Amino acid sequence: PSWGLMISEAKGMMFFDPWLIGVPGAALFALILAINLLGDGVRDVTAPENRN
């Protein structure tokens, strides 16, 4: 299942089992952060204004 679906289904149980939202939420956060950092790195390497 997708992480978004896992978070959506766990909303009703978040007071009893908060890790059901926390684990997929943290994984989604880490994935988005990694993609953003990778994109910044690629931009820095390929940007023509940074070349001498």
PDB file of N, CA and C in Angstrom:
ATOM      1  N   PRO A   1       0.818  -1.204   0.000  1.00  0.00           N
ATOM      2  CA  PRO A   1       0.000   0.000   0.000  1.00  0.00           C
ATOM      3  C   PRO A   1       0.861   1.268   0.000  1.00  0.00           C
ATOM      4  N   SER A   2       0.272   2.334  -0.423  1.00  0.00           N
ATOM      5  CA  SER A   2       1.011   3.596  -0.470  1.00  0.00           C
ATOM      6  C   SER A   2       1.099   4.218   0.918  1.00  0.00           C
ATOM      7  N   TRP A   3       2.091   5.081   1.111  1.00  0.00           N
ATOM      8  CA  TRP A   3       2.266   5.718   2.413  1.00  0.00           C
ATOM      9  C   TRP A   3       1.099   6.653   2.714  1.00  0.00           C
ATOM     10  N   GLY A   4       0.580   7.331   1.717  1.00  0.00           N
ATOM     11  CA  GLY A   4      -0.566   8.211   1.927  1.00  0.00           C
ATOM     12  C   GLY A   4      -1.794   7.446   2.377  1.00  0.00           C
ATOM     13  N   LEU A   5      -2.025   6.287   1.781  1.00  0.00           N
ATOM     14  CA  LEU A   5      -3.152   5.448   2.187  1.00  0.00           C
ATOM     15  C   LEU A   5      -2.955   4.926   3.602  1.00  0.00           C
ATOM     16  N   MET A   6      -1.723   4.564   3.949  1.00  0.00           N
ATOM     17  CA  MET A   6      -1.443   4.095   5.304  1.00  0.00           C
ATOM     18  C   MET A   6      -1.722   5.193   6.330  1.00  0.00           C
ATOM     19  N   ILE A   7      -1.334   6.417   6.028  1.00  0.00           N
ATOM     20  CA  ILE A   7      -1.584   7.540   6.932  1.00  0.00           C
ATOM     21  C   ILE A   7      -3.078   7.810   7.036  1.00  0.00           C
ATOM     22  N   SER A   8      -3.773   7.776   5.916  1.00  0.00           N
ATOM     23  CA  SER A   8      -5.211   8.028   5.903  1.00  0.00           C
ATOM     24  C   SER A   8      -5.980   6.988   6.712  1.00  0.00           C
ATOM     25  N   GLU A   9      -5.606   5.731   6.576  1.00  0.00           N
ATOM     26  CA  GLU A   9      -6.304   4.681   7.310  1.00  0.00           C
ATOM     27  C   GLU A   9      -5.987   4.713   8.801  1.00  0.00           C
ATOM     28  N   ALA A  10      -4.846   5.252   9.185  1.00  0.00           N
ATOM     29  CA  ALA A  10      -4.444   5.268  10.590  1.00  0.00           C
ATOM     30  C   ALA A  10      -4.962   6.490  11.344  1.00  0.00           C
ATOM     31  N   LYS A  11      -5.633   7.417  10.664  1.00  0.00           N
ATOM     32  CA  LYS A  11      -6.112   8.623  11.338  1.00  0.00           C
ATOM     33  C   LYS A  11      -7.047   8.309  12.497  1.00  0.00           C
ATOM     34  N   GLY A  12      -7.882   7.307  12.350  1.00  0.00           N
ATOM     35  CA  GLY A  12      -8.826   6.961  13.409  1.00  0.00           C
ATOM     36  C   GLY A  12      -8.181   6.311  14.616  1.00  0.00           C
ATOM     37  N   MET A  13      -6.983   5.788  14.460  1.00  0.00           N
ATOM     38  CA  MET A  13      -6.302   5.101  15.556  1.00  0.00           C
ATOM     39  C   MET A  13      -5.102   5.869  16.080  1.00  0.00           C
ATOM     40  N   MET A  14      -4.965   7.146  15.733  1.00  0.00           N
ATOM     41  CA  MET A  14      -3.740   7.862  16.063  1.00  0.00           C
ATOM     42  C   MET A  14      -3.566   8.107  17.554  1.00  0.00           C
ATOM     43  N   PHE A  15      -4.631   8.097  18.340  1.00  0.00           N
ATOM     44  CA  PHE A  15      -4.489   8.301  19.777  1.00  0.00           C
ATOM     45  C   PHE A  15      -4.053   7.029  20.487  1.00  0.00           C
ATOM     46  N   PHE A  16      -4.340   5.881  19.900  1.00  0.00           N
ATOM     47  CA  PHE A  16      -3.970   4.607  20.513  1.00  0.00           C
ATOM     48  C   PHE A  16      -2.656   4.066  19.953  1.00  0.00           C
ATOM     49  N   ASP A  17      -2.434   4.245  18.682  1.00  0.00           N
ATOM     50  CA  ASP A  17      -1.228   3.750  18.007  1.00  0.00           C
ATOM     51  C   ASP A  17      -0.619   4.860  17.149  1.00  0.00           C
ATOM     52  N   PRO A  18       0.062   5.832  17.768  1.00  0.00           N
ATOM     53  CA  PRO A  18       0.569   6.972  16.982  1.00  0.00           C
ATOM     54  C   PRO A  18       1.660   6.594  15.993  1.00  0.00           C
ATOM     55  N   TRP A  19       2.338   5.473  16.194  1.00  0.00           N
ATOM     56  CA  TRP A  19       3.395   5.080  15.258  1.00  0.00           C
ATOM     57  C   TRP A  19       2.825   4.656  13.907  1.00  0.00           C
ATOM     58  N   LEU A  20       1.526   4.343  13.853  1.00  0.00           N
ATOM     59  CA  LEU A  20       0.922   3.989  12.568  1.00  0.00           C
ATOM     60  C   LEU A  20       0.908   5.183  11.618  1.00  0.00           C
ATOM     61  N   ILE A  21       0.924   6.385  12.163  1.00  0.00           N
ATOM     62  CA  ILE A  21       1.023   7.593  11.338  1.00  0.00           C
ATOM     63  C   ILE A  21       2.469   8.070  11.289  1.00  0.00           C
ATOM     64  N   GLY A  22       3.181   7.929  12.404  1.00  0.00           N
ATOM     65  CA  GLY A  22       4.538   8.462  12.502  1.00  0.00           C
ATOM     66  C   GLY A  22       5.534   7.802  11.575  1.00  0.00           C
ATOM     67  N   VAL A  23       5.473   6.489  11.458  1.00  0.00           N
ATOM     68  CA  VAL A  23       6.455   5.776  10.631  1.00  0.00           C
ATOM     69  C   VAL A  23       6.282   6.099   9.144  1.00  0.00           C
ATOM     70  N   PRO A  24       5.082   5.950   8.565  1.00  0.00           N
ATOM     71  CA  PRO A  24       4.965   6.319   7.144  1.00  0.00           C
ATOM     72  C   PRO A  24       5.138   7.821   6.916  1.00  0.00           C
ATOM     73  N   GLY A  25       4.737   8.637   7.901  1.00  0.00           N
ATOM     74  CA  GLY A  25       4.940  10.077   7.772  1.00  0.00           C
ATOM     75  C   GLY A  25       6.412  10.439   7.748  1.00  0.00           C
ATOM     76  N   ALA A  26       7.194   9.810   8.622  1.00  0.00           N
ATOM     77  CA  ALA A  26       8.637  10.058   8.649  1.00  0.00           C
ATOM     78  C   ALA A  26       9.306   9.549   7.375  1.00  0.00           C
ATOM     79  N   ALA A  27       8.863   8.413   6.872  1.00  0.00           N
ATOM     80  CA  ALA A  27       9.430   7.877   5.633  1.00  0.00           C
ATOM     81  C   ALA A  27       9.115   8.802   4.457  1.00  0.00           C
ATOM     82  N   LEU A  28       7.901   9.303   4.405  1.00  0.00           N
ATOM     83  CA  LEU A  28       7.509  10.227   3.340  1.00  0.00           C
ATOM     84  C   LEU A  28       8.313  11.522   3.441  1.00  0.00           C
ATOM     85  N   PHE A  29       8.479  12.034   4.657  1.00  0.00           N
ATOM     86  CA  PHE A  29       9.282  13.242   4.874  1.00  0.00           C
ATOM     87  C   PHE A  29      10.720  13.026   4.414  1.00  0.00           C
ATOM     88  N   ALA A  30      11.314  11.897   4.796  1.00  0.00           N
ATOM     89  CA  ALA A  30      12.701  11.606   4.422  1.00  0.00           C
ATOM     90  C   ALA A  30      12.853  11.473   2.911  1.00  0.00           C
ATOM     91  N   LEU A  31      11.885  10.844   2.252  1.00  0.00           N
ATOM     92  CA  LEU A  31      11.946  10.693   0.800  1.00  0.00           C
ATOM     93  C   LEU A  31      11.870  12.043   0.100  1.00  0.00           C
ATOM     94  N   ILE A  32      10.953  12.890   0.517  1.00  0.00           N
ATOM     95  CA  ILE A  32      10.802  14.206  -0.109  1.00  0.00           C
ATOM     96  C   ILE A  32      12.039  15.062   0.137  1.00  0.00           C
ATOM     97  N   LEU A  33      12.595  15.001   1.353  1.00  0.00           N
ATOM     98  CA  LEU A  33      13.810  15.745   1.656  1.00  0.00           C
ATOM     99  C   LEU A  33      14.975  15.265   0.796  1.00  0.00           C
ATOM    100  N   ALA A  34      15.113  13.956   0.640  1.00  0.00           N
ATOM    101  CA  ALA A  34      16.199  13.402  -0.173  1.00  0.00           C
ATOM    102  C   ALA A  34      16.068  13.817  -1.635  1.00  0.00           C
ATOM    103  N   ILE A  35      14.859  13.800  -2.162  1.00  0.00           N
ATOM    104  CA  ILE A  35      14.648  14.210  -3.555  1.00  0.00           C
ATOM    105  C   ILE A  35      14.980  15.691  -3.732  1.00  0.00           C
ATOM    106  N   ASN A  36      14.582  16.528  -2.763  1.00  0.00           N
ATOM    107  CA  ASN A  36      14.903  17.953  -2.846  1.00  0.00           C
ATOM    108  C   ASN A  36      16.407  18.196  -2.776  1.00  0.00           C
ATOM    109  N   LEU A  37      17.099  17.505  -1.880  1.00  0.00           N
ATOM    110  CA  LEU A  37      18.546  17.677  -1.775  1.00  0.00           C
ATOM    111  C   LEU A  37      19.255  17.173  -3.024  1.00  0.00           C
ATOM    112  N   LEU A  38      18.778  16.079  -3.592  1.00  0.00           N
ATOM    113  CA  LEU A  38      19.347  15.570  -4.837  1.00  0.00           C
ATOM    114  C   LEU A  38      19.145  16.571  -5.968  1.00  0.00           C
ATOM    115  N   GLY A  39      17.965  17.141  -6.053  1.00  0.00           N
ATOM    116  CA  GLY A  39      17.694  18.145  -7.076  1.00  0.00           C
ATOM    117  C   GLY A  39      18.570  19.375  -6.926  1.00  0.00           C
ATOM    118  N   ASP A  40      18.790  19.814  -5.685  1.00  0.00           N
ATOM    119  CA  ASP A  40      19.688  20.949  -5.448  1.00  0.00           C
ATOM    120  C   ASP A  40      21.112  20.621  -5.871  1.00  0.00           C
ATOM    121  N   GLY A  41      21.553  19.413  -5.578  1.00  0.00           N
ATOM    122  CA  GLY A  41      22.900  19.004  -5.974  1.00  0.00           C
ATOM    123  C   GLY A  41      23.065  18.945  -7.474  1.00  0.00           C
ATOM    124  N   VAL A  42      22.078  18.411  -8.168  1.00  0.00           N
ATOM    125  CA  VAL A  42      22.133  18.341  -9.634  1.00  0.00           C
ATOM    126  C   VAL A  42      22.134  19.744 -10.222  1.00  0.00           C
ATOM    127  N   ARG A  43      21.321  20.631  -9.670  1.00  0.00           N
ATOM    128  CA  ARG A  43      21.295  22.010 -10.156  1.00  0.00           C
ATOM    129  C   ARG A  43      22.642  22.692  -9.950  1.00  0.00           C
ATOM    130  N   ASP A  44      23.259  22.479  -8.788  1.00  0.00           N
ATOM    131  CA  ASP A  44      24.554  23.096  -8.520  1.00  0.00           C
ATOM    132  C   ASP A  44      25.632  22.593  -9.474  1.00  0.00           C
ATOM    133  N   VAL A  45      25.574  21.329  -9.835  1.00  0.00           N
ATOM    134  CA  VAL A  45      26.581  20.760 -10.736  1.00  0.00           C
ATOM    135  C   VAL A  45      26.362  21.226 -12.167  1.00  0.00           C
ATOM    136  N   THR A  46      25.124  21.349 -12.586  1.00  0.00           N
ATOM    137  CA  THR A  46      24.833  21.636 -13.991  1.00  0.00           C
ATOM    138  C   THR A  46      24.554  23.103 -14.285  1.00  0.00           C
ATOM    139  N   ALA A  47      24.534  23.965 -13.272  1.00  0.00           N
ATOM    140  CA  ALA A  47      24.196  25.372 -13.503  1.00  0.00           C
ATOM    141  C   ALA A  47      25.321  26.070 -14.264  1.00  0.00           C
ATOM    142  N   PRO A  48      25.012  26.690 -15.393  1.00  0.00           N
ATOM    143  CA  PRO A  48      26.056  27.343 -16.196  1.00  0.00           C
ATOM    144  C   PRO A  48      26.637  28.581 -15.518  1.00  0.00           C
ATOM    145  N   GLU A  49      25.919  29.253 -14.646  1.00  0.00           N
ATOM    146  CA  GLU A  49      26.443  30.469 -14.028  1.00  0.00           C
ATOM    147  C   GLU A  49      27.509  30.169 -12.970  1.00  0.00           C
ATOM    148  N   ASN A  50      27.657  28.924 -12.562  1.00  0.00           N
ATOM    149  CA  ASN A  50      28.672  28.566 -11.573  1.00  0.00           C
ATOM    150  C   ASN A  50      29.986  28.138 -12.210  1.00  0.00           C
ATOM    151  N   ARG A  51      30.035  28.031 -13.509  1.00  0.00           N
ATOM    152  CA  ARG A  51      31.253  27.575 -14.189  1.00  0.00           C
ATOM    153  C   ARG A  51      32.160  28.760 -14.501  1.00  0.00           C
ATOM    154  N   ASN A  52      33.457  28.536 -14.399  1.00  0.00           N
ATOM    155  CA  ASN A  52      34.422  29.608 -14.695  1.00  0.00           C
ATOM    156  C   ASN A  52      35.049  29.417 -16.054  1.00  0.00           C
TER     157      ASN A  52
END
